[in-house]
Amino acid sequence: MHSVIFSLDSKIVITPNIDKIYDQFATASSNGTIVIKTYKEDIAKYLRSRDYLIIKAHGTVDDTDNIIFTHGQYSKVRNQYANFYRILDALMLTHTFVFLGCGVCDPDIQLMLENSNFSYPGCRPHFMVTDENSIQPKVRDCLSQNRNLEFLLYQNPDGTHALLLDDLKELDQLVAKKRKEIAERNTW
């Protein structure tokens, strides 16, 4: 799964995961050319650089005193590191987010999506990839309306997410094809 996500070639990957599994894979695959930062660090200077960036939104296992798990920690960090959240808000307006492997209950994600949706109505939606049975249709409709999310649903009959991996591989091929077309036409 990590290799397919990495091959999609996103310049910025924001993850709520505190583990280092994807970080280590991406670092090894890029020969160490990826910058990894947390909410506590200055990430603004990397946004317009040529660097690929992994943002650890909830901290990292390397700094267990600053991992965000509880509602109180979310609230404290949101105020203490307000510039980090301003950057995320700006990214939400200027980039399309694809939420992959995360739920709809993360307080940070809820707040950012709802603020963006109601502050800037009419913006293009963000996307959440999820198992077709993980969120009830009425709840999806509510989330779509209030958070400006489109849901990309996949089947997961055996609980292994194998069909998601197949879909991501297909997406990777489509992205590579589109990149080639754009490069040949010089329309980038």
N, C-alpha and C. Protein backbone atom coordinates (compact mmCIF):
# COMPACT_ATOMS: atom_id res chain seq x y z
N MET A 1 0.83 -1.20 0.00
CA MET A 1 0.00 0.00 0.00
C MET A 1 0.87 1.26 0.00
N HIS A 2 1.93 1.27 0.83
CA HIS A 2 2.78 2.45 0.91
C HIS A 2 3.45 2.77 -0.42
N SER A 3 3.84 1.74 -1.15
CA SER A 3 4.52 1.99 -2.43
C SER A 3 3.57 2.65 -3.42
N VAL A 4 2.31 2.25 -3.41
CA VAL A 4 1.34 2.85 -4.33
C VAL A 4 1.05 4.29 -3.93
N ILE A 5 0.88 4.53 -2.65
CA ILE A 5 0.65 5.90 -2.18
C ILE A 5 1.84 6.78 -2.54
N PHE A 6 3.03 6.29 -2.31
CA PHE A 6 4.24 7.04 -2.63
C PHE A 6 4.34 7.32 -4.13
N SER A 7 3.99 6.34 -4.94
CA SER A 7 4.12 6.51 -6.39
C SER A 7 3.11 7.51 -6.96
N LEU A 8 2.07 7.86 -6.20
CA LEU A 8 1.15 8.89 -6.65
C LEU A 8 1.82 10.27 -6.68
N ASP A 9 2.97 10.36 -6.03
CA ASP A 9 3.85 11.52 -6.16
C ASP A 9 3.24 12.82 -5.62
N SER A 10 2.57 12.75 -4.48
CA SER A 10 2.05 13.95 -3.85
C SER A 10 3.19 14.72 -3.21
N LYS A 11 3.27 16.00 -3.52
CA LYS A 11 4.35 16.82 -2.97
C LYS A 11 4.20 16.99 -1.46
N ILE A 12 2.96 17.03 -1.00
CA ILE A 12 2.69 17.18 0.43
C ILE A 12 1.80 16.02 0.87
N VAL A 13 2.23 15.32 1.90
CA VAL A 13 1.42 14.27 2.51
C VAL A 13 1.23 14.67 3.97
N ILE A 14 -0.01 14.81 4.38
CA ILE A 14 -0.32 15.13 5.77
C ILE A 14 -0.90 13.87 6.39
N THR A 15 -0.32 13.44 7.49
CA THR A 15 -0.78 12.22 8.12
C THR A 15 -1.05 12.42 9.61
N PRO A 16 -2.16 11.85 10.10
CA PRO A 16 -2.39 11.87 11.54
C PRO A 16 -1.64 10.74 12.24
N ASN A 17 -1.03 9.85 11.47
CA ASN A 17 -0.34 8.70 12.06
C ASN A 17 0.94 9.13 12.76
N ILE A 18 1.13 8.63 13.95
CA ILE A 18 2.34 8.98 14.72
C ILE A 18 3.46 7.99 14.47
N ASP A 19 3.13 6.84 13.88
CA ASP A 19 4.19 5.85 13.62
C ASP A 19 5.07 6.33 12.47
N LYS A 20 6.09 5.56 12.17
CA LYS A 20 7.06 5.98 11.16
C LYS A 20 7.07 5.05 9.95
N ILE A 21 6.06 4.23 9.80
CA ILE A 21 6.06 3.24 8.73
C ILE A 21 6.13 3.91 7.36
N TYR A 22 5.21 4.84 7.08
CA TYR A 22 5.24 5.51 5.77
C TYR A 22 6.47 6.41 5.65
N ASP A 23 6.82 7.09 6.72
CA ASP A 23 8.00 7.98 6.70
C ASP A 23 9.24 7.22 6.26
N GLN A 24 9.45 6.07 6.88
CA GLN A 24 10.64 5.27 6.57
C GLN A 24 10.59 4.75 5.14
N PHE A 25 9.43 4.32 4.69
CA PHE A 25 9.31 3.84 3.32
C PHE A 25 9.61 4.98 2.34
N ALA A 26 9.00 6.14 2.56
CA ALA A 26 9.18 7.27 1.65
C ALA A 26 10.63 7.76 1.66
N THR A 27 11.24 7.80 2.82
CA THR A 27 12.64 8.23 2.92
C THR A 27 13.55 7.27 2.16
N ALA A 28 13.34 5.98 2.34
CA ALA A 28 14.17 4.99 1.64
C ALA A 28 13.93 5.04 0.14
N SER A 29 12.68 5.20 -0.27
CA SER A 29 12.35 5.20 -1.69
C SER A 29 12.83 6.46 -2.40
N SER A 30 12.98 7.54 -1.66
CA SER A 30 13.40 8.81 -2.26
C SER A 30 14.88 9.09 -2.04
N ASN A 31 15.59 8.11 -1.52
CA ASN A 31 17.01 8.31 -1.20
C ASN A 31 17.21 9.47 -0.23
N GLY A 32 16.29 9.61 0.71
CA GLY A 32 16.44 10.61 1.77
C GLY A 32 16.09 12.02 1.38
N THR A 33 15.35 12.21 0.29
CA THR A 33 15.06 13.58 -0.16
C THR A 33 13.72 14.11 0.35
N ILE A 34 13.10 13.42 1.28
CA ILE A 34 11.82 13.86 1.83
C ILE A 34 12.05 14.54 3.17
N VAL A 35 11.37 15.65 3.38
CA VAL A 35 11.43 16.38 4.65
C VAL A 35 10.24 15.94 5.49
N ILE A 36 10.48 15.61 6.75
CA ILE A 36 9.42 15.17 7.66
C ILE A 36 9.36 16.16 8.82
N LYS A 37 8.19 16.76 9.02
CA LYS A 37 8.01 17.77 10.06
C LYS A 37 6.72 17.50 10.83
N THR A 38 6.65 18.00 12.06
CA THR A 38 5.44 17.89 12.87
C THR A 38 4.80 19.26 13.02
N TYR A 39 3.66 19.29 13.69
CA TYR A 39 2.94 20.54 13.92
C TYR A 39 3.76 21.56 14.68
N LYS A 40 4.78 21.12 15.42
CA LYS A 40 5.59 22.02 16.25
C LYS A 40 6.65 22.76 15.44
N GLU A 41 6.92 22.31 14.23
CA GLU A 41 8.05 22.84 13.48
C GLU A 41 7.59 23.81 12.40
N ASP A 42 8.54 24.58 11.89
CA ASP A 42 8.26 25.54 10.84
C ASP A 42 8.14 24.81 9.51
N ILE A 43 6.91 24.64 9.05
CA ILE A 43 6.73 23.95 7.78
C ILE A 43 6.52 24.91 6.62
N ALA A 44 6.26 26.18 6.92
CA ALA A 44 5.95 27.15 5.86
C ALA A 44 7.07 27.23 4.83
N LYS A 45 8.31 27.18 5.27
CA LYS A 45 9.42 27.35 4.33
C LYS A 45 9.55 26.18 3.36
N TYR A 46 8.91 25.05 3.67
CA TYR A 46 9.00 23.88 2.79
C TYR A 46 7.86 23.82 1.78
N LEU A 47 6.82 24.61 1.99
CA LEU A 47 5.65 24.51 1.13
C LEU A 47 5.93 24.92 -0.31
N ARG A 48 6.75 25.93 -0.50
CA ARG A 48 7.03 26.40 -1.86
C ARG A 48 8.42 25.99 -2.33
N SER A 49 9.06 25.14 -1.59
CA SER A 49 10.37 24.65 -2.00
C SER A 49 10.18 23.45 -2.93
N ARG A 50 11.26 22.92 -3.40
CA ARG A 50 11.20 21.74 -4.26
C ARG A 50 11.08 20.46 -3.44
N ASP A 51 11.21 20.59 -2.12
CA ASP A 51 11.18 19.42 -1.25
C ASP A 51 9.81 18.77 -1.22
N TYR A 52 9.82 17.46 -1.11
CA TYR A 52 8.60 16.72 -0.79
C TYR A 52 8.48 16.73 0.73
N LEU A 53 7.26 16.86 1.21
CA LEU A 53 7.05 17.10 2.62
C LEU A 53 6.03 16.12 3.20
N ILE A 54 6.38 15.51 4.31
CA ILE A 54 5.44 14.72 5.10
C ILE A 54 5.20 15.50 6.38
N ILE A 55 3.94 15.85 6.61
CA ILE A 55 3.57 16.59 7.81
C ILE A 55 2.88 15.63 8.77
N LYS A 56 3.46 15.48 9.95
CA LYS A 56 2.91 14.60 10.99
C LYS A 56 2.00 15.47 11.87
N ALA A 57 0.73 15.53 11.53
CA ALA A 57 -0.19 16.47 12.16
C ALA A 57 -0.44 16.19 13.64
N HIS A 58 -0.24 14.96 14.08
CA HIS A 58 -0.48 14.61 15.48
C HIS A 58 0.80 14.28 16.23
N GLY A 59 1.93 14.62 15.64
CA GLY A 59 3.20 14.34 16.28
C GLY A 59 3.79 13.03 15.80
N THR A 60 4.82 12.58 16.52
CA THR A 60 5.56 11.39 16.11
C THR A 60 5.98 10.58 17.33
N VAL A 61 6.18 9.30 17.14
CA VAL A 61 6.65 8.44 18.23
C VAL A 61 8.04 8.85 18.70
N ASP A 62 8.74 9.64 17.91
CA ASP A 62 10.06 10.12 18.33
C ASP A 62 9.97 11.19 19.42
N ASP A 63 8.79 11.73 19.64
CA ASP A 63 8.58 12.79 20.63
C ASP A 63 7.25 12.52 21.34
N THR A 64 7.24 11.50 22.18
CA THR A 64 5.99 11.04 22.80
C THR A 64 5.34 12.06 23.73
N ASP A 65 6.10 13.03 24.22
CA ASP A 65 5.52 14.05 25.09
C ASP A 65 4.61 15.00 24.31
N ASN A 66 4.71 15.00 22.99
CA ASN A 66 3.95 15.95 22.17
C ASN A 66 3.04 15.27 21.16
N ILE A 67 2.62 14.06 21.46
CA ILE A 67 1.66 13.37 20.61
C ILE A 67 0.26 13.86 20.97
N ILE A 68 -0.58 14.04 19.97
CA ILE A 68 -1.95 14.51 20.17
C ILE A 68 -2.91 13.33 20.10
N PHE A 69 -3.57 13.04 21.23
CA PHE A 69 -4.56 11.96 21.28
C PHE A 69 -5.90 12.42 21.83
N THR A 70 -5.88 13.25 22.86
CA THR A 70 -7.12 13.60 23.56
C THR A 70 -7.72 14.90 23.03
N HIS A 71 -9.00 15.10 23.35
CA HIS A 71 -9.66 16.33 22.94
C HIS A 71 -8.96 17.55 23.55
N GLY A 72 -8.55 17.42 24.81
CA GLY A 72 -7.82 18.52 25.47
C GLY A 72 -6.51 18.83 24.76
N GLN A 73 -5.80 17.80 24.34
CA GLN A 73 -4.55 18.02 23.61
C GLN A 73 -4.82 18.71 22.27
N TYR A 74 -5.88 18.31 21.57
CA TYR A 74 -6.25 18.97 20.32
C TYR A 74 -6.47 20.46 20.56
N SER A 75 -7.26 20.77 21.58
CA SER A 75 -7.59 22.16 21.87
C SER A 75 -6.35 22.97 22.23
N LYS A 76 -5.51 22.40 23.07
CA LYS A 76 -4.29 23.09 23.50
C LYS A 76 -3.36 23.35 22.31
N VAL A 77 -3.14 22.34 21.51
CA VAL A 77 -2.23 22.48 20.36
C VAL A 77 -2.81 23.44 19.33
N ARG A 78 -4.12 23.39 19.11
CA ARG A 78 -4.75 24.27 18.14
C ARG A 78 -4.51 25.74 18.50
N ASN A 79 -4.46 26.04 19.80
CA ASN A 79 -4.19 27.42 20.22
C ASN A 79 -2.70 27.71 20.29
N GLN A 80 -1.94 26.79 20.83
CA GLN A 80 -0.50 27.00 21.01
C GLN A 80 0.25 27.05 19.68
N TYR A 81 -0.23 26.31 18.69
CA TYR A 81 0.43 26.26 17.39
C TYR A 81 -0.54 26.72 16.30
N ALA A 82 -1.15 27.87 16.53
CA ALA A 82 -2.18 28.39 15.62
C ALA A 82 -1.65 28.59 14.20
N ASN A 83 -0.38 28.95 14.06
CA ASN A 83 0.16 29.15 12.71
C ASN A 83 0.15 27.85 11.91
N PHE A 84 0.38 26.74 12.57
CA PHE A 84 0.31 25.45 11.88
C PHE A 84 -1.08 25.25 11.29
N TYR A 85 -2.10 25.56 12.07
CA TYR A 85 -3.47 25.38 11.59
C TYR A 85 -3.84 26.40 10.53
N ARG A 86 -3.24 27.57 10.58
CA ARG A 86 -3.45 28.55 9.50
C ARG A 86 -2.89 28.01 8.19
N ILE A 87 -1.75 27.35 8.28
CA ILE A 87 -1.15 26.75 7.08
C ILE A 87 -2.06 25.64 6.55
N LEU A 88 -2.57 24.79 7.43
CA LEU A 88 -3.48 23.74 6.98
C LEU A 88 -4.73 24.33 6.34
N ASP A 89 -5.26 25.40 6.93
CA ASP A 89 -6.42 26.07 6.35
C ASP A 89 -6.10 26.61 4.95
N ALA A 90 -4.92 27.20 4.80
CA ALA A 90 -4.51 27.71 3.49
C ALA A 90 -4.37 26.58 2.48
N LEU A 91 -3.77 25.49 2.90
CA LEU A 91 -3.63 24.33 2.01
C LEU A 91 -5.00 23.80 1.60
N MET A 92 -5.94 23.82 2.52
CA MET A 92 -7.27 23.32 2.22
C MET A 92 -7.96 24.17 1.15
N LEU A 93 -7.60 25.44 1.07
CA LEU A 93 -8.18 26.31 0.04
C LEU A 93 -7.46 26.20 -1.30
N THR A 94 -6.19 25.86 -1.27
CA THR A 94 -5.39 25.89 -2.49
C THR A 94 -5.07 24.51 -3.06
N HIS A 95 -5.39 23.47 -2.33
CA HIS A 95 -5.10 22.10 -2.76
C HIS A 95 -6.35 21.24 -2.57
N THR A 96 -6.43 20.19 -3.33
CA THR A 96 -7.48 19.20 -3.12
C THR A 96 -6.94 18.12 -2.20
N PHE A 97 -7.62 17.89 -1.11
CA PHE A 97 -7.22 16.86 -0.16
C PHE A 97 -7.90 15.54 -0.53
N VAL A 98 -7.15 14.48 -0.43
CA VAL A 98 -7.69 13.13 -0.56
C VAL A 98 -7.41 12.43 0.76
N PHE A 99 -8.46 12.17 1.51
CA PHE A 99 -8.32 11.51 2.81
C PHE A 99 -8.35 10.01 2.58
N LEU A 100 -7.26 9.38 2.94
CA LEU A 100 -7.09 7.95 2.69
C LEU A 100 -6.68 7.28 3.99
N GLY A 101 -7.49 6.35 4.45
CA GLY A 101 -7.14 5.61 5.66
C GLY A 101 -7.38 6.36 6.95
N CYS A 102 -8.24 7.36 6.93
CA CYS A 102 -8.56 8.06 8.18
C CYS A 102 -10.08 8.15 8.30
N GLY A 103 -10.54 8.31 9.51
CA GLY A 103 -11.96 8.37 9.76
C GLY A 103 -12.50 9.79 9.71
N VAL A 104 -13.77 9.91 10.00
CA VAL A 104 -14.44 11.21 9.94
C VAL A 104 -14.55 11.86 11.31
N CYS A 105 -13.99 11.24 12.34
CA CYS A 105 -14.16 11.74 13.71
C CYS A 105 -12.98 12.54 14.24
N ASP A 106 -11.92 12.69 13.49
CA ASP A 106 -10.76 13.45 13.94
C ASP A 106 -11.17 14.91 14.12
N PRO A 107 -11.03 15.47 15.33
CA PRO A 107 -11.48 16.85 15.59
C PRO A 107 -10.82 17.89 14.68
N ASP A 108 -9.53 17.73 14.39
CA ASP A 108 -8.85 18.69 13.51
C ASP A 108 -9.45 18.67 12.11
N ILE A 109 -9.64 17.48 11.58
CA ILE A 109 -10.17 17.34 10.23
C ILE A 109 -11.60 17.87 10.17
N GLN A 110 -12.40 17.54 11.17
CA GLN A 110 -13.78 18.04 11.23
C GLN A 110 -13.80 19.56 11.18
N LEU A 111 -13.03 20.18 12.06
CA LEU A 111 -13.03 21.63 12.18
C LEU A 111 -12.56 22.30 10.89
N MET A 112 -11.47 21.81 10.33
CA MET A 112 -10.94 22.43 9.10
C MET A 112 -11.93 22.32 7.95
N LEU A 113 -12.50 21.14 7.77
CA LEU A 113 -13.44 20.95 6.66
C LEU A 113 -14.69 21.81 6.83
N GLU A 114 -15.23 21.84 8.03
CA GLU A 114 -16.44 22.63 8.26
C GLU A 114 -16.17 24.12 8.14
N ASN A 115 -15.05 24.59 8.70
CA ASN A 115 -14.70 26.01 8.55
C ASN A 115 -14.55 26.38 7.09
N SER A 116 -13.83 25.56 6.35
CA SER A 116 -13.62 25.84 4.93
C SER A 116 -14.93 25.83 4.16
N ASN A 117 -15.77 24.85 4.43
CA ASN A 117 -17.03 24.72 3.71
C ASN A 117 -17.94 25.92 3.93
N PHE A 118 -18.05 26.37 5.18
CA PHE A 118 -18.99 27.45 5.47
C PHE A 118 -18.37 28.84 5.28
N SER A 119 -17.05 28.94 5.34
CA SER A 119 -16.40 30.23 5.10
C SER A 119 -16.26 30.53 3.62
N TYR A 120 -16.12 29.49 2.81
CA TYR A 120 -15.89 29.65 1.38
C TYR A 120 -16.84 28.74 0.60
N PRO A 121 -18.13 29.04 0.64
CA PRO A 121 -19.08 28.17 -0.05
C PRO A 121 -18.82 28.16 -1.56
N GLY A 122 -19.11 27.04 -2.17
CA GLY A 122 -18.94 26.93 -3.61
C GLY A 122 -17.58 26.43 -4.04
N CYS A 123 -16.68 26.19 -3.10
CA CYS A 123 -15.36 25.67 -3.46
C CYS A 123 -15.49 24.22 -3.92
N ARG A 124 -14.51 23.79 -4.67
CA ARG A 124 -14.49 22.40 -5.12
C ARG A 124 -14.34 21.49 -3.89
N PRO A 125 -14.88 20.29 -3.97
CA PRO A 125 -14.86 19.40 -2.81
C PRO A 125 -13.50 18.75 -2.58
N HIS A 126 -13.34 18.23 -1.39
CA HIS A 126 -12.24 17.33 -1.06
C HIS A 126 -12.80 15.91 -1.14
N PHE A 127 -11.93 14.93 -1.06
CA PHE A 127 -12.36 13.55 -1.26
C PHE A 127 -11.95 12.68 -0.09
N MET A 128 -12.82 11.74 0.25
CA MET A 128 -12.50 10.76 1.27
C MET A 128 -12.72 9.37 0.68
N VAL A 129 -11.67 8.57 0.72
CA VAL A 129 -11.73 7.20 0.24
C VAL A 129 -12.08 6.32 1.43
N THR A 130 -13.16 5.56 1.29
CA THR A 130 -13.59 4.74 2.42
C THR A 130 -14.35 3.51 1.95
N ASP A 131 -14.34 2.51 2.76
CA ASP A 131 -15.11 1.28 2.56
C ASP A 131 -16.59 1.65 2.44
N GLU A 132 -17.25 1.10 1.45
CA GLU A 132 -18.65 1.47 1.19
C GLU A 132 -19.58 1.19 2.38
N ASN A 133 -19.17 0.33 3.29
CA ASN A 133 -20.01 -0.01 4.44
C ASN A 133 -19.57 0.66 5.74
N SER A 134 -18.55 1.50 5.68
CA SER A 134 -18.02 2.08 6.92
C SER A 134 -18.82 3.28 7.43
N ILE A 135 -19.53 3.95 6.54
CA ILE A 135 -20.32 5.13 6.93
C ILE A 135 -21.70 4.98 6.29
N GLN A 136 -22.72 5.09 7.10
CA GLN A 136 -24.09 4.96 6.60
C GLN A 136 -24.38 6.05 5.56
N PRO A 137 -25.19 5.75 4.55
CA PRO A 137 -25.49 6.72 3.49
C PRO A 137 -26.01 8.07 3.99
N LYS A 138 -26.88 8.08 4.99
CA LYS A 138 -27.40 9.35 5.51
C LYS A 138 -26.30 10.16 6.19
N VAL A 139 -25.40 9.48 6.86
CA VAL A 139 -24.27 10.16 7.50
C VAL A 139 -23.34 10.72 6.42
N ARG A 140 -23.09 9.95 5.36
CA ARG A 140 -22.27 10.43 4.24
C ARG A 140 -22.89 11.69 3.63
N ASP A 141 -24.21 11.66 3.44
CA ASP A 141 -24.90 12.83 2.88
C ASP A 141 -24.70 14.06 3.77
N CYS A 142 -24.84 13.86 5.07
CA CYS A 142 -24.65 14.96 6.03
C CYS A 142 -23.22 15.48 5.97
N LEU A 143 -22.25 14.57 5.94
CA LEU A 143 -20.85 14.98 5.87
C LEU A 143 -20.54 15.68 4.55
N SER A 144 -21.12 15.20 3.47
CA SER A 144 -20.92 15.85 2.17
C SER A 144 -21.42 17.28 2.21
N GLN A 145 -22.59 17.47 2.79
CA GLN A 145 -23.20 18.79 2.84
C GLN A 145 -22.45 19.73 3.78
N ASN A 146 -22.04 19.24 4.95
CA ASN A 146 -21.44 20.11 5.95
C ASN A 146 -19.92 20.24 5.84
N ARG A 147 -19.28 19.30 5.18
CA ARG A 147 -17.81 19.33 5.08
C ARG A 147 -17.30 19.40 3.65
N ASN A 148 -18.21 19.49 2.70
CA ASN A 148 -17.84 19.57 1.29
C ASN A 148 -16.94 18.41 0.88
N LEU A 149 -17.36 17.21 1.26
CA LEU A 149 -16.62 16.00 0.94
C LEU A 149 -17.36 15.19 -0.12
N GLU A 150 -16.60 14.64 -1.04
CA GLU A 150 -17.13 13.60 -1.91
C GLU A 150 -16.51 12.30 -1.46
N PHE A 151 -17.32 11.28 -1.38
CA PHE A 151 -16.83 9.98 -0.93
C PHE A 151 -16.53 9.09 -2.12
N LEU A 152 -15.35 8.54 -2.13
CA LEU A 152 -14.95 7.56 -3.12
C LEU A 152 -15.01 6.21 -2.42
N LEU A 153 -16.01 5.43 -2.77
CA LEU A 153 -16.30 4.20 -2.05
C LEU A 153 -15.68 3.00 -2.75
N TYR A 154 -15.24 2.06 -1.95
CA TYR A 154 -14.72 0.81 -2.51
C TYR A 154 -15.32 -0.35 -1.73
N GLN A 155 -15.34 -1.49 -2.39
CA GLN A 155 -15.85 -2.69 -1.75
C GLN A 155 -14.75 -3.35 -0.95
N ASN A 156 -15.14 -3.90 0.19
CA ASN A 156 -14.18 -4.55 1.08
C ASN A 156 -14.82 -5.80 1.67
N PRO A 157 -15.18 -6.76 0.82
CA PRO A 157 -15.95 -7.90 1.30
C PRO A 157 -15.24 -8.78 2.32
N ASP A 158 -13.92 -8.86 2.23
CA ASP A 158 -13.20 -9.75 3.14
C ASP A 158 -12.41 -9.02 4.22
N GLY A 159 -12.54 -7.68 4.27
CA GLY A 159 -11.87 -6.90 5.30
C GLY A 159 -10.39 -6.67 5.09
N THR A 160 -9.86 -7.04 3.92
CA THR A 160 -8.42 -6.89 3.67
C THR A 160 -8.07 -5.62 2.91
N HIS A 161 -9.05 -4.93 2.40
CA HIS A 161 -8.86 -3.72 1.59
C HIS A 161 -8.10 -4.01 0.30
N ALA A 162 -8.11 -5.25 -0.15
CA ALA A 162 -7.39 -5.64 -1.37
C ALA A 162 -7.92 -4.90 -2.59
N LEU A 163 -9.23 -4.69 -2.66
CA LEU A 163 -9.80 -3.99 -3.81
C LEU A 163 -9.38 -2.52 -3.81
N LEU A 164 -9.21 -1.93 -2.64
CA LEU A 164 -8.69 -0.57 -2.57
C LEU A 164 -7.29 -0.51 -3.16
N LEU A 165 -6.47 -1.45 -2.81
CA LEU A 165 -5.11 -1.48 -3.36
C LEU A 165 -5.15 -1.59 -4.88
N ASP A 166 -6.02 -2.43 -5.40
CA ASP A 166 -6.17 -2.55 -6.86
C ASP A 166 -6.60 -1.21 -7.46
N ASP A 167 -7.56 -0.54 -6.83
CA ASP A 167 -8.02 0.76 -7.33
C ASP A 167 -6.92 1.81 -7.28
N LEU A 168 -6.12 1.80 -6.21
CA LEU A 168 -5.02 2.76 -6.11
C LEU A 168 -3.96 2.49 -7.17
N LYS A 169 -3.71 1.24 -7.46
CA LYS A 169 -2.76 0.91 -8.53
C LYS A 169 -3.27 1.42 -9.88
N GLU A 170 -4.56 1.27 -10.11
CA GLU A 170 -5.15 1.78 -11.35
C GLU A 170 -5.05 3.31 -11.39
N LEU A 171 -5.32 3.96 -10.26
CA LEU A 171 -5.18 5.42 -10.19
C LEU A 171 -3.75 5.83 -10.48
N ASP A 172 -2.79 5.11 -9.94
CA ASP A 172 -1.39 5.40 -10.19
C ASP A 172 -1.08 5.36 -11.69
N GLN A 173 -1.60 4.37 -12.38
CA GLN A 173 -1.38 4.27 -13.83
C GLN A 173 -2.04 5.43 -14.57
N LEU A 174 -3.24 5.80 -14.15
CA LEU A 174 -3.93 6.93 -14.79
C LEU A 174 -3.18 8.24 -14.55
N VAL A 175 -2.66 8.41 -13.35
CA VAL A 175 -1.89 9.62 -13.03
C VAL A 175 -0.63 9.68 -13.90
N ALA A 176 0.07 8.56 -14.01
CA ALA A 176 1.28 8.52 -14.83
C ALA A 176 0.96 8.85 -16.29
N LYS A 177 -0.13 8.31 -16.79
CA LYS A 177 -0.54 8.57 -18.18
C LYS A 177 -0.87 10.05 -18.37
N LYS A 178 -1.61 10.62 -17.42
CA LYS A 178 -1.99 12.03 -17.52
C LYS A 178 -0.77 12.94 -17.44
N ARG A 179 0.18 12.60 -16.56
CA ARG A 179 1.42 13.38 -16.47
C ARG A 179 2.15 13.40 -17.80
N LYS A 180 2.22 12.25 -18.43
CA LYS A 180 2.90 12.14 -19.72
C LYS A 180 2.20 13.01 -20.76
N GLU A 181 0.86 12.95 -20.80
CA GLU A 181 0.10 13.78 -21.74
C GLU A 181 0.35 15.26 -21.51
N ILE A 182 0.32 15.67 -20.27
CA ILE A 182 0.54 17.08 -19.93
C ILE A 182 1.95 17.51 -20.34
N ALA A 183 2.93 16.67 -20.06
CA ALA A 183 4.32 16.99 -20.41
C ALA A 183 4.48 17.10 -21.92
N GLU A 184 3.84 16.23 -22.67
CA GLU A 184 3.96 16.27 -24.13
C GLU A 184 3.29 17.50 -24.72
N ARG A 185 2.22 17.98 -24.10
CA ARG A 185 1.51 19.16 -24.60
C ARG A 185 2.06 20.45 -24.02
N ASN A 186 2.94 20.34 -23.05
CA ASN A 186 3.47 21.53 -22.36
C ASN A 186 2.36 22.42 -21.81
N THR A 187 1.35 21.81 -21.20
CA THR A 187 0.24 22.60 -20.65
C THR A 187 0.32 22.72 -19.14
N TRP A 188 1.46 22.49 -18.58
CA TRP A 188 1.59 22.60 -17.14
C TRP A 188 2.15 23.93 -16.80
